[in-house]
Amino acid sequence: MLKADVLRNKKDFTNIYRRERSVASKFVVVFYRKNQLPYSRKAFLASKKVGKSVQRNRARRLMKESYRQLETQIPPGWDFIFIARHTILDSKCADVKKSMEAAIKKAGIIK
């Protein structure tokens, strides 16, 4: 069975991109919008600009772990798309977490 908290439909992605609400930080770009659900949904992307498949998978793993650590601070009811930047390759998980936290704070979602 598929997880409900993962963005999958093209319609959802286009709605988030169309809103043009995004925040950038050193390692990630975050697109976000409010949803009408009692839980948050998320997607983690890394384009080929980040590197080959090994580097892209590492970037996604770093973002997923960082989000897992920040998840308790984020209120429910948001859709997020986290996009890795090429600078994420030589970073550690703690650095990515700080970057994601700064981006979410800049968006005004957490204080």
PDB file of N, CA and C in Angstrom:
ATOM      1  N   MET A   1       0.829  -1.176   0.000  1.00  0.00           N
ATOM      2  CA  MET A   1       0.000   0.000   0.000  1.00  0.00           C
ATOM      3  C   MET A   1       0.879   1.247   0.000  1.00  0.00           C
ATOM      4  N   LEU A   2       0.457   2.279  -0.719  1.00  0.00           N
ATOM      5  CA  LEU A   2       1.229   3.501  -0.837  1.00  0.00           C
ATOM      6  C   LEU A   2       1.077   4.368   0.405  1.00  0.00           C
ATOM      7  N   LYS A   3       2.138   5.091   0.736  1.00  0.00           N
ATOM      8  CA  LYS A   3       2.087   6.005   1.866  1.00  0.00           C
ATOM      9  C   LYS A   3       1.279   7.238   1.473  1.00  0.00           C
ATOM     10  N   ALA A   4       0.443   7.702   2.367  1.00  0.00           N
ATOM     11  CA  ALA A   4      -0.420   8.845   2.066  1.00  0.00           C
ATOM     12  C   ALA A   4       0.341  10.169   2.149  1.00  0.00           C
ATOM     13  N   ASP A   5       1.466  10.197   2.856  1.00  0.00           N
ATOM     14  CA  ASP A   5       2.159  11.464   3.070  1.00  0.00           C
ATOM     15  C   ASP A   5       3.235  11.763   2.024  1.00  0.00           C
ATOM     16  N   VAL A   6       3.200  11.082   0.882  1.00  0.00           N
ATOM     17  CA  VAL A   6       4.155  11.308  -0.193  1.00  0.00           C
ATOM     18  C   VAL A   6       3.413  11.865  -1.400  1.00  0.00           C
ATOM     19  N   LEU A   7       3.931  12.945  -1.961  1.00  0.00           N
ATOM     20  CA  LEU A   7       3.332  13.520  -3.168  1.00  0.00           C
ATOM     21  C   LEU A   7       3.674  12.642  -4.365  1.00  0.00           C
ATOM     22  N   ARG A   8       2.676  12.289  -5.154  1.00  0.00           N
ATOM     23  CA  ARG A   8       2.905  11.439  -6.319  1.00  0.00           C
ATOM     24  C   ARG A   8       2.237  11.964  -7.590  1.00  0.00           C
ATOM     25  N   ASN A   9       1.074  12.587  -7.462  1.00  0.00           N
ATOM     26  CA  ASN A   9       0.296  12.962  -8.643  1.00  0.00           C
ATOM     27  C   ASN A   9       0.858  14.205  -9.324  1.00  0.00           C
ATOM     28  N   LYS A  10       0.850  14.179 -10.630  1.00  0.00           N
ATOM     29  CA  LYS A  10       1.318  15.324 -11.400  1.00  0.00           C
ATOM     30  C   LYS A  10       0.490  16.557 -11.088  1.00  0.00           C
ATOM     31  N   LYS A  11      -0.803  16.371 -10.839  1.00  0.00           N
ATOM     32  CA  LYS A  11      -1.696  17.483 -10.512  1.00  0.00           C
ATOM     33  C   LYS A  11      -1.235  18.200  -9.246  1.00  0.00           C
ATOM     34  N   ASP A  12      -0.826  17.444  -8.243  1.00  0.00           N
ATOM     35  CA  ASP A  12      -0.347  18.045  -6.997  1.00  0.00           C
ATOM     36  C   ASP A  12       0.942  18.839  -7.223  1.00  0.00           C
ATOM     37  N   PHE A  13       1.856  18.272  -8.004  1.00  0.00           N
ATOM     38  CA  PHE A  13       3.106  18.968  -8.280  1.00  0.00           C
ATOM     39  C   PHE A  13       2.853  20.272  -9.028  1.00  0.00           C
ATOM     40  N   THR A  14       1.994  20.237 -10.042  1.00  0.00           N
ATOM     41  CA  THR A  14       1.734  21.455 -10.812  1.00  0.00           C
ATOM     42  C   THR A  14       1.035  22.511  -9.962  1.00  0.00           C
ATOM     43  N   ASN A  15       0.152  22.099  -9.052  1.00  0.00           N
ATOM     44  CA  ASN A  15      -0.493  23.069  -8.164  1.00  0.00           C
ATOM     45  C   ASN A  15       0.519  23.755  -7.263  1.00  0.00           C
ATOM     46  N   ILE A  16       1.468  23.009  -6.760  1.00  0.00           N
ATOM     47  CA  ILE A  16       2.481  23.603  -5.881  1.00  0.00           C
ATOM     48  C   ILE A  16       3.397  24.517  -6.679  1.00  0.00           C
ATOM     49  N   TYR A  17       3.840  24.086  -7.851  1.00  0.00           N
ATOM     50  CA  TYR A  17       4.709  24.916  -8.674  1.00  0.00           C
ATOM     51  C   TYR A  17       3.989  26.171  -9.151  1.00  0.00           C
ATOM     52  N   ARG A  18       2.706  26.066  -9.459  1.00  0.00           N
ATOM     53  CA  ARG A  18       1.939  27.186  -9.980  1.00  0.00           C
ATOM     54  C   ARG A  18       1.801  28.294  -8.941  1.00  0.00           C
ATOM     55  N   ARG A  19       1.744  27.933  -7.674  1.00  0.00           N
ATOM     56  CA  ARG A  19       1.627  28.931  -6.606  1.00  0.00           C
ATOM     57  C   ARG A  19       2.859  29.829  -6.525  1.00  0.00           C
ATOM     58  N   GLU A  20       3.987  29.314  -6.983  1.00  0.00           N
ATOM     59  CA  GLU A  20       5.260  30.040  -7.001  1.00  0.00           C
ATOM     60  C   GLU A  20       5.688  30.515  -5.619  1.00  0.00           C
ATOM     61  N   ARG A  21       5.373  29.747  -4.608  1.00  0.00           N
ATOM     62  CA  ARG A  21       5.837  30.060  -3.262  1.00  0.00           C
ATOM     63  C   ARG A  21       7.037  29.160  -2.988  1.00  0.00           C
ATOM     64  N   SER A  22       8.204  29.749  -3.029  1.00  0.00           N
ATOM     65  CA  SER A  22       9.408  28.959  -2.819  1.00  0.00           C
ATOM     66  C   SER A  22      10.410  29.755  -1.993  1.00  0.00           C
ATOM     67  N   VAL A  23      11.280  29.014  -1.356  1.00  0.00           N
ATOM     68  CA  VAL A  23      12.346  29.586  -0.544  1.00  0.00           C
ATOM     69  C   VAL A  23      13.598  28.783  -0.844  1.00  0.00           C
ATOM     70  N   ALA A  24      14.711  29.489  -0.992  1.00  0.00           N
ATOM     71  CA  ALA A  24      15.973  28.807  -1.274  1.00  0.00           C
ATOM     72  C   ALA A  24      16.926  28.986  -0.100  1.00  0.00           C
ATOM     73  N   SER A  25      17.722  27.972   0.116  1.00  0.00           N
ATOM     74  CA  SER A  25      18.797  28.055   1.097  1.00  0.00           C
ATOM     75  C   SER A  25      20.049  27.483   0.443  1.00  0.00           C
ATOM     76  N   LYS A  26      21.078  27.279   1.215  1.00  0.00           N
ATOM     77  CA  LYS A  26      22.359  26.864   0.646  1.00  0.00           C
ATOM     78  C   LYS A  26      22.293  25.502  -0.055  1.00  0.00           C
ATOM     79  N   PHE A  27      21.562  24.547   0.522  1.00  0.00           N
ATOM     80  CA  PHE A  27      21.564  23.192  -0.013  1.00  0.00           C
ATOM     81  C   PHE A  27      20.253  22.765  -0.661  1.00  0.00           C
ATOM     82  N   VAL A  28      19.140  23.431  -0.345  1.00  0.00           N
ATOM     83  CA  VAL A  28      17.842  23.007  -0.870  1.00  0.00           C
ATOM     84  C   VAL A  28      17.000  24.204  -1.317  1.00  0.00           C
ATOM     85  N   VAL A  29      16.052  23.902  -2.195  1.00  0.00           N
ATOM     86  CA  VAL A  29      14.996  24.839  -2.563  1.00  0.00           C
ATOM     87  C   VAL A  29      13.692  24.175  -2.127  1.00  0.00           C
ATOM     88  N   VAL A  30      12.840  24.937  -1.459  1.00  0.00           N
ATOM     89  CA  VAL A  30      11.594  24.393  -0.930  1.00  0.00           C
ATOM     90  C   VAL A  30      10.411  25.092  -1.587  1.00  0.00           C
ATOM     91  N   PHE A  31       9.568  24.323  -2.259  1.00  0.00           N
ATOM     92  CA  PHE A  31       8.283  24.804  -2.745  1.00  0.00           C
ATOM     93  C   PHE A  31       7.242  24.321  -1.747  1.00  0.00           C
ATOM     94  N   TYR A  32       6.289  25.179  -1.403  1.00  0.00           N
ATOM     95  CA  TYR A  32       5.327  24.809  -0.376  1.00  0.00           C
ATOM     96  C   TYR A  32       3.966  25.417  -0.664  1.00  0.00           C
ATOM     97  N   ARG A  33       2.952  24.802  -0.097  1.00  0.00           N
ATOM     98  CA  ARG A  33       1.602  25.358  -0.114  1.00  0.00           C
ATOM     99  C   ARG A  33       0.782  24.673   0.959  1.00  0.00           C
ATOM    100  N   LYS A  34      -0.257  25.352   1.396  1.00  0.00           N
ATOM    101  CA  LYS A  34      -1.161  24.817   2.417  1.00  0.00           C
ATOM    102  C   LYS A  34      -2.102  23.821   1.757  1.00  0.00           C
ATOM    103  N   ASN A  35      -2.358  22.698   2.412  1.00  0.00           N
ATOM    104  CA  ASN A  35      -3.366  21.758   1.918  1.00  0.00           C
ATOM    105  C   ASN A  35      -4.481  21.653   2.938  1.00  0.00           C
ATOM    106  N   GLN A  36      -5.547  20.999   2.590  1.00  0.00           N
ATOM    107  CA  GLN A  36      -6.712  20.882   3.479  1.00  0.00           C
ATOM    108  C   GLN A  36      -6.764  19.514   4.158  1.00  0.00           C
ATOM    109  N   LEU A  37      -5.610  18.904   4.344  1.00  0.00           N
ATOM    110  CA  LEU A  37      -5.529  17.569   4.924  1.00  0.00           C
ATOM    111  C   LEU A  37      -5.016  17.641   6.357  1.00  0.00           C
ATOM    112  N   PRO A  38      -5.295  16.636   7.163  1.00  0.00           N
ATOM    113  CA  PRO A  38      -4.799  16.648   8.546  1.00  0.00           C
ATOM    114  C   PRO A  38      -3.333  16.205   8.678  1.00  0.00           C
ATOM    115  N   TYR A  39      -2.637  16.048   7.560  1.00  0.00           N
ATOM    116  CA  TYR A  39      -1.233  15.649   7.585  1.00  0.00           C
ATOM    117  C   TYR A  39      -0.496  16.383   6.469  1.00  0.00           C
ATOM    118  N   SER A  40       0.816  16.427   6.579  1.00  0.00           N
ATOM    119  CA  SER A  40       1.649  17.065   5.568  1.00  0.00           C
ATOM    120  C   SER A  40       2.113  16.032   4.557  1.00  0.00           C
ATOM    121  N   ARG A  41       2.273  16.492   3.317  1.00  0.00           N
ATOM    122  CA  ARG A  41       2.798  15.624   2.264  1.00  0.00           C
ATOM    123  C   ARG A  41       4.101  16.227   1.771  1.00  0.00           C
ATOM    124  N   LYS A  42       4.990  15.362   1.272  1.00  0.00           N
ATOM    125  CA  LYS A  42       6.295  15.851   0.850  1.00  0.00           C
ATOM    126  C   LYS A  42       6.836  15.044  -0.312  1.00  0.00           C
ATOM    127  N   ALA A  43       7.788  15.657  -1.027  1.00  0.00           N
ATOM    128  CA  ALA A  43       8.511  14.994  -2.106  1.00  0.00           C
ATOM    129  C   ALA A  43       9.955  15.496  -2.062  1.00  0.00           C
ATOM    130  N   PHE A  44      10.888  14.620  -2.368  1.00  0.00           N
ATOM    131  CA  PHE A  44      12.308  14.948  -2.353  1.00  0.00           C
ATOM    132  C   PHE A  44      12.865  14.689  -3.745  1.00  0.00           C
ATOM    133  N   LEU A  45      13.404  15.742  -4.378  1.00  0.00           N
ATOM    134  CA  LEU A  45      13.876  15.636  -5.750  1.00  0.00           C
ATOM    135  C   LEU A  45      15.339  16.024  -5.839  1.00  0.00           C
ATOM    136  N   ALA A  46      16.040  15.376  -6.765  1.00  0.00           N
ATOM    137  CA  ALA A  46      17.418  15.731  -7.097  1.00  0.00           C
ATOM    138  C   ALA A  46      17.574  15.540  -8.595  1.00  0.00           C
ATOM    139  N   SER A  47      17.846  16.610  -9.315  1.00  0.00           N
ATOM    140  CA  SER A  47      17.945  16.523 -10.766  1.00  0.00           C
ATOM    141  C   SER A  47      19.320  16.004 -11.174  1.00  0.00           C
ATOM    142  N   LYS A  48      19.502  15.808 -12.449  1.00  0.00           N
ATOM    143  CA  LYS A  48      20.778  15.311 -12.948  1.00  0.00           C
ATOM    144  C   LYS A  48      21.886  16.348 -12.817  1.00  0.00           C
ATOM    145  N   LYS A  49      21.521  17.594 -12.544  1.00  0.00           N
ATOM    146  CA  LYS A  49      22.526  18.617 -12.298  1.00  0.00           C
ATOM    147  C   LYS A  49      23.282  18.344 -10.998  1.00  0.00           C
ATOM    148  N   VAL A  50      22.655  17.607 -10.093  1.00  0.00           N
ATOM    149  CA  VAL A  50      23.285  17.285  -8.809  1.00  0.00           C
ATOM    150  C   VAL A  50      24.429  16.296  -9.023  1.00  0.00           C
ATOM    151  N   GLY A  51      24.258  15.358  -9.935  1.00  0.00           N
ATOM    152  CA  GLY A  51      25.310  14.384 -10.192  1.00  0.00           C
ATOM    153  C   GLY A  51      24.730  13.092 -10.731  1.00  0.00           C
ATOM    154  N   LYS A  52      25.525  12.067 -10.691  1.00  0.00           N
ATOM    155  CA  LYS A  52      25.074  10.762 -11.153  1.00  0.00           C
ATOM    156  C   LYS A  52      24.146  10.150 -10.111  1.00  0.00           C
ATOM    157  N   SER A  53      23.652   8.960 -10.367  1.00  0.00           N
ATOM    158  CA  SER A  53      22.601   8.379  -9.529  1.00  0.00           C
ATOM    159  C   SER A  53      23.025   8.195  -8.077  1.00  0.00           C
ATOM    160  N   VAL A  54      24.276   7.866  -7.839  1.00  0.00           N
ATOM    161  CA  VAL A  54      24.736   7.664  -6.467  1.00  0.00           C
ATOM    162  C   VAL A  54      24.653   8.981  -5.682  1.00  0.00           C
ATOM    163  N   GLN A  55      25.090  10.078  -6.311  1.00  0.00           N
ATOM    164  CA  GLN A  55      25.036  11.375  -5.638  1.00  0.00           C
ATOM    165  C   GLN A  55      23.597  11.848  -5.458  1.00  0.00           C
ATOM    166  N   ARG A  56      22.739  11.609  -6.451  1.00  0.00           N
ATOM    167  CA  ARG A  56      21.334  12.016  -6.340  1.00  0.00           C
ATOM    168  C   ARG A  56      20.634  11.252  -5.223  1.00  0.00           C
ATOM    169  N   ASN A  57      20.898   9.958  -5.126  1.00  0.00           N
ATOM    170  CA  ASN A  57      20.290   9.160  -4.058  1.00  0.00           C
ATOM    171  C   ASN A  57      20.796   9.598  -2.686  1.00  0.00           C
ATOM    172  N   ARG A  58      22.066   9.933  -2.577  1.00  0.00           N
ATOM    173  CA  ARG A  58      22.602  10.421  -1.305  1.00  0.00           C
ATOM    174  C   ARG A  58      21.946  11.739  -0.934  1.00  0.00           C
ATOM    175  N   ALA A  59      21.764  12.617  -1.912  1.00  0.00           N
ATOM    176  CA  ALA A  59      21.115  13.905  -1.652  1.00  0.00           C
ATOM    177  C   ALA A  59      19.693  13.697  -1.146  1.00  0.00           C
ATOM    178  N   ARG A  60      18.962  12.780  -1.757  1.00  0.00           N
ATOM    179  CA  ARG A  60      17.593  12.500  -1.301  1.00  0.00           C
ATOM    180  C   ARG A  60      17.590  11.904   0.106  1.00  0.00           C
ATOM    181  N   ARG A  61      18.522  11.014   0.377  1.00  0.00           N
ATOM    182  CA  ARG A  61      18.612  10.425   1.729  1.00  0.00           C
ATOM    183  C   ARG A  61      18.915  11.489   2.779  1.00  0.00           C
ATOM    184  N   LEU A  62      19.826  12.409   2.459  1.00  0.00           N
ATOM    185  CA  LEU A  62      20.145  13.487   3.395  1.00  0.00           C
ATOM    186  C   LEU A  62      18.921  14.353   3.663  1.00  0.00           C
ATOM    187  N   MET A  63      18.165  14.681   2.620  1.00  0.00           N
ATOM    188  CA  MET A  63      16.981  15.518   2.804  1.00  0.00           C
ATOM    189  C   MET A  63      15.902  14.785   3.587  1.00  0.00           C
ATOM    190  N   LYS A  64      15.710  13.493   3.318  1.00  0.00           N
ATOM    191  CA  LYS A  64      14.698  12.723   4.041  1.00  0.00           C
ATOM    192  C   LYS A  64      15.026  12.624   5.519  1.00  0.00           C
ATOM    193  N   GLU A  65      16.283  12.370   5.837  1.00  0.00           N
ATOM    194  CA  GLU A  65      16.679  12.266   7.245  1.00  0.00           C
ATOM    195  C   GLU A  65      16.544  13.616   7.936  1.00  0.00           C
ATOM    196  N   SER A  66      16.920  14.684   7.263  1.00  0.00           N
ATOM    197  CA  SER A  66      16.789  16.017   7.852  1.00  0.00           C
ATOM    198  C   SER A  66      15.331  16.360   8.097  1.00  0.00           C
ATOM    199  N   TYR A  67      14.463  16.017   7.145  1.00  0.00           N
ATOM    200  CA  TYR A  67      13.038  16.282   7.332  1.00  0.00           C
ATOM    201  C   TYR A  67      12.482  15.448   8.492  1.00  0.00           C
ATOM    202  N   ARG A  68      12.934  14.214   8.607  1.00  0.00           N
ATOM    203  CA  ARG A  68      12.469  13.349   9.693  1.00  0.00           C
ATOM    204  C   ARG A  68      12.797  13.967  11.048  1.00  0.00           C
ATOM    205  N   GLN A  69      13.957  14.582  11.163  1.00  0.00           N
ATOM    206  CA  GLN A  69      14.343  15.222  12.411  1.00  0.00           C
ATOM    207  C   GLN A  69      13.559  16.505  12.675  1.00  0.00           C
ATOM    208  N   LEU A  70      13.143  17.190  11.621  1.00  0.00           N
ATOM    209  CA  LEU A  70      12.402  18.449  11.760  1.00  0.00           C
ATOM    210  C   LEU A  70      10.891  18.251  11.808  1.00  0.00           C
ATOM    211  N   GLU A  71      10.425  17.058  11.523  1.00  0.00           N
ATOM    212  CA  GLU A  71       8.998  16.791  11.341  1.00  0.00           C
ATOM    213  C   GLU A  71       8.147  17.179  12.551  1.00  0.00           C
ATOM    214  N   THR A  72       8.675  17.049  13.744  1.00  0.00           N
ATOM    215  CA  THR A  72       7.887  17.359  14.935  1.00  0.00           C
ATOM    216  C   THR A  72       7.639  18.856  15.080  1.00  0.00           C
ATOM    217  N   GLN A  73       8.498  19.687  14.503  1.00  0.00           N
ATOM    218  CA  GLN A  73       8.346  21.137  14.587  1.00  0.00           C
ATOM    219  C   GLN A  73       7.366  21.688  13.560  1.00  0.00           C
ATOM    220  N   ILE A  74       7.123  20.937  12.486  1.00  0.00           N
ATOM    221  CA  ILE A  74       6.303  21.423  11.375  1.00  0.00           C
ATOM    222  C   ILE A  74       4.839  21.108  11.655  1.00  0.00           C
ATOM    223  N   PRO A  75       3.959  22.099  11.605  1.00  0.00           N
ATOM    224  CA  PRO A  75       2.535  21.837  11.828  1.00  0.00           C
ATOM    225  C   PRO A  75       1.952  21.040  10.665  1.00  0.00           C
ATOM    226  N   PRO A  76       0.928  20.235  10.897  1.00  0.00           N
ATOM    227  CA  PRO A  76       0.338  19.451   9.807  1.00  0.00           C
ATOM    228  C   PRO A  76      -0.451  20.339   8.848  1.00  0.00           C
ATOM    229  N   GLY A  77      -0.650  19.821   7.635  1.00  0.00           N
ATOM    230  CA  GLY A  77      -1.467  20.524   6.655  1.00  0.00           C
ATOM    231  C   GLY A  77      -0.685  21.273   5.598  1.00  0.00           C
ATOM    232  N   TRP A  78       0.535  20.839   5.283  1.00  0.00           N
ATOM    233  CA  TRP A  78       1.365  21.499   4.266  1.00  0.00           C
ATOM    234  C   TRP A  78       1.816  20.487   3.216  1.00  0.00           C
ATOM    235  N   ASP A  79       1.999  20.975   1.996  1.00  0.00           N
ATOM    236  CA  ASP A  79       2.630  20.204   0.923  1.00  0.00           C
ATOM    237  C   ASP A  79       4.008  20.809   0.681  1.00  0.00           C
ATOM    238  N   PHE A  80       5.030  19.959   0.626  1.00  0.00           N
ATOM    239  CA  PHE A  80       6.397  20.414   0.405  1.00  0.00           C
ATOM    240  C   PHE A  80       7.020  19.671  -0.766  1.00  0.00           C
ATOM    241  N   ILE A  81       7.810  20.393  -1.550  1.00  0.00           N
ATOM    242  CA  ILE A  81       8.701  19.776  -2.524  1.00  0.00           C
ATOM    243  C   ILE A  81      10.096  20.292  -2.184  1.00  0.00           C
ATOM    244  N   PHE A  82      10.977  19.389  -1.796  1.00  0.00           N
ATOM    245  CA  PHE A  82      12.357  19.735  -1.483  1.00  0.00           C
ATOM    246  C   PHE A  82      13.218  19.345  -2.683  1.00  0.00           C
ATOM    247  N   ILE A  83      13.932  20.321  -3.235  1.00  0.00           N
ATOM    248  CA  ILE A  83      14.781  20.088  -4.405  1.00  0.00           C
ATOM    249  C   ILE A  83      16.227  20.330  -3.988  1.00  0.00           C
ATOM    250  N   ALA A  84      17.071  19.339  -4.234  1.00  0.00           N
ATOM    251  CA  ALA A  84      18.480  19.435  -3.853  1.00  0.00           C
ATOM    252  C   ALA A  84      19.229  20.336  -4.828  1.00  0.00           C
ATOM    253  N   ARG A  85      20.150  21.121  -4.292  1.00  0.00           N
ATOM    254  CA  ARG A  85      21.046  21.915  -5.117  1.00  0.00           C
ATOM    255  C   ARG A  85      22.373  21.158  -5.231  1.00  0.00           C
ATOM    256  N   HIS A  86      23.177  21.524  -6.211  1.00  0.00           N
ATOM    257  CA  HIS A  86      24.427  20.790  -6.421  1.00  0.00           C
ATOM    258  C   HIS A  86      25.412  20.966  -5.269  1.00  0.00           C
ATOM    259  N   THR A  87      25.224  21.964  -4.427  1.00  0.00           N
ATOM    260  CA  THR A  87      26.123  22.180  -3.294  1.00  0.00           C
ATOM    261  C   THR A  87      25.941  21.155  -2.178  1.00  0.00           C
ATOM    262  N   ILE A  88      24.889  20.342  -2.255  1.00  0.00           N
ATOM    263  CA  ILE A  88      24.590  19.365  -1.202  1.00  0.00           C
ATOM    264  C   ILE A  88      25.562  18.183  -1.199  1.00  0.00           C
ATOM    265  N   LEU A  89      26.312  18.007  -2.279  1.00  0.00           N
ATOM    266  CA  LEU A  89      27.147  16.812  -2.431  1.00  0.00           C
ATOM    267  C   LEU A  89      28.197  16.647  -1.340  1.00  0.00           C
ATOM    268  N   ASP A  90      28.851  17.722  -0.949  1.00  0.00           N
ATOM    269  CA  ASP A  90      29.947  17.611   0.011  1.00  0.00           C
ATOM    270  C   ASP A  90      29.528  17.995   1.430  1.00  0.00           C
ATOM    271  N   SER A  91      28.247  17.876   1.715  1.00  0.00           N
ATOM    272  CA  SER A  91      27.754  18.317   3.016  1.00  0.00           C
ATOM    273  C   SER A  91      27.432  17.133   3.924  1.00  0.00           C
ATOM    274  N   LYS A  92      27.286  17.438   5.181  1.00  0.00           N
ATOM    275  CA  LYS A  92      26.899  16.438   6.174  1.00  0.00           C
ATOM    276  C   LYS A  92      25.421  16.612   6.501  1.00  0.00           C
ATOM    277  N   CYS A  93      24.848  15.641   7.150  1.00  0.00           N
ATOM    278  CA  CYS A  93      23.424  15.651   7.465  1.00  0.00           C
ATOM    279  C   CYS A  93      23.051  16.838   8.358  1.00  0.00           C
ATOM    280  N   ALA A  94      23.896  17.172   9.307  1.00  0.00           N
ATOM    281  CA  ALA A  94      23.610  18.296  10.199  1.00  0.00           C
ATOM    282  C   ALA A  94      23.548  19.613   9.430  1.00  0.00           C
ATOM    283  N   ASP A  95      24.418  19.762   8.424  1.00  0.00           N
ATOM    284  CA  ASP A  95      24.400  20.975   7.616  1.00  0.00           C
ATOM    285  C   ASP A  95      23.120  21.067   6.784  1.00  0.00           C
ATOM    286  N   VAL A  96      22.691  19.941   6.237  1.00  0.00           N
ATOM    287  CA  VAL A  96      21.461  19.920   5.438  1.00  0.00           C
ATOM    288  C   VAL A  96      20.261  20.212   6.332  1.00  0.00           C
ATOM    289  N   LYS A  97      20.282  19.689   7.545  1.00  0.00           N
ATOM    290  CA  LYS A  97      19.182  19.946   8.478  1.00  0.00           C
ATOM    291  C   LYS A  97      19.089  21.429   8.802  1.00  0.00           C
ATOM    292  N   LYS A  98      20.223  22.076   9.068  1.00  0.00           N
ATOM    293  CA  LYS A  98      20.228  23.512   9.352  1.00  0.00           C
ATOM    294  C   LYS A  98      19.705  24.303   8.146  1.00  0.00           C
ATOM    295  N   SER A  99      20.103  23.894   6.964  1.00  0.00           N
ATOM    296  CA  SER A  99      19.674  24.574   5.747  1.00  0.00           C
ATOM    297  C   SER A  99      18.169  24.431   5.530  1.00  0.00           C
ATOM    298  N   MET A 100      17.647  23.219   5.731  1.00  0.00           N
ATOM    299  CA  MET A 100      16.211  22.998   5.575  1.00  0.00           C
ATOM    300  C   MET A 100      15.428  23.758   6.644  1.00  0.00           C
ATOM    301  N   GLU A 101      15.933  23.757   7.854  1.00  0.00           N
ATOM    302  CA  GLU A 101      15.254  24.472   8.937  1.00  0.00           C
ATOM    303  C   GLU A 101      15.226  25.971   8.648  1.00  0.00           C
ATOM    304  N   ALA A 102      16.327  26.513   8.143  1.00  0.00           N
ATOM    305  CA  ALA A 102      16.376  27.936   7.803  1.00  0.00           C
ATOM    306  C   ALA A 102      15.389  28.269   6.692  1.00  0.00           C
ATOM    307  N   ALA A 103      15.281  27.383   5.693  1.00  0.00           N
ATOM    308  CA  ALA A 103      14.351  27.629   4.589  1.00  0.00           C
ATOM    309  C   ALA A 103      12.910  27.591   5.072  1.00  0.00           C
ATOM    310  N   ILE A 104      12.588  26.639   5.937  1.00  0.00           N
ATOM    311  CA  ILE A 104      11.213  26.533   6.440  1.00  0.00           C
ATOM    312  C   ILE A 104      10.888  27.706   7.352  1.00  0.00           C
ATOM    313  N   LYS A 105      11.871  28.173   8.120  1.00  0.00           N
ATOM    314  CA  LYS A 105      11.655  29.363   8.948  1.00  0.00           C
ATOM    315  C   LYS A 105      11.452  30.591   8.078  1.00  0.00           C
ATOM    316  N   LYS A 106      12.238  30.703   7.016  1.00  0.00           N
ATOM    317  CA  LYS A 106      12.125  31.845   6.112  1.00  0.00           C
ATOM    318  C   LYS A 106      10.741  31.868   5.456  1.00  0.00           C
ATOM    319  N   ALA A 107      10.171  30.690   5.216  1.00  0.00           N
ATOM    320  CA  ALA A 107       8.842  30.599   4.640  1.00  0.00           C
ATOM    321  C   ALA A 107       7.757  30.975   5.652  1.00  0.00           C
ATOM    322  N   GLY A 108       8.099  31.006   6.937  1.00  0.00           N
ATOM    323  CA  GLY A 108       7.146  31.384   7.964  1.00  0.00           C
ATOM    324  C   GLY A 108       6.291  30.229   8.452  1.00  0.00           C
ATOM    325  N   ILE A 109       6.712  29.014   8.187  1.00  0.00           N
ATOM    326  CA  ILE A 109       5.937  27.841   8.595  1.00  0.00           C
ATOM    327  C   ILE A 109       6.245  27.470  10.043  1.00  0.00           C
ATOM    328  N   ILE A 110       7.526  27.569  10.441  1.00  0.00           N
ATOM    329  CA  ILE A 110       7.871  27.362  11.844  1.00  0.00           C
ATOM    330  C   ILE A 110       8.548  28.622  12.358  1.00  0.00           C
ATOM    331  N   LYS A 111       8.562  28.773  13.633  1.00  0.00           N
ATOM    332  CA  LYS A 111       9.145  29.984  14.228  1.00  0.00           C
ATOM    333  C   LYS A 111      10.558  29.731  14.696  1.00  0.00           C
TER     334      LYS A 111
END
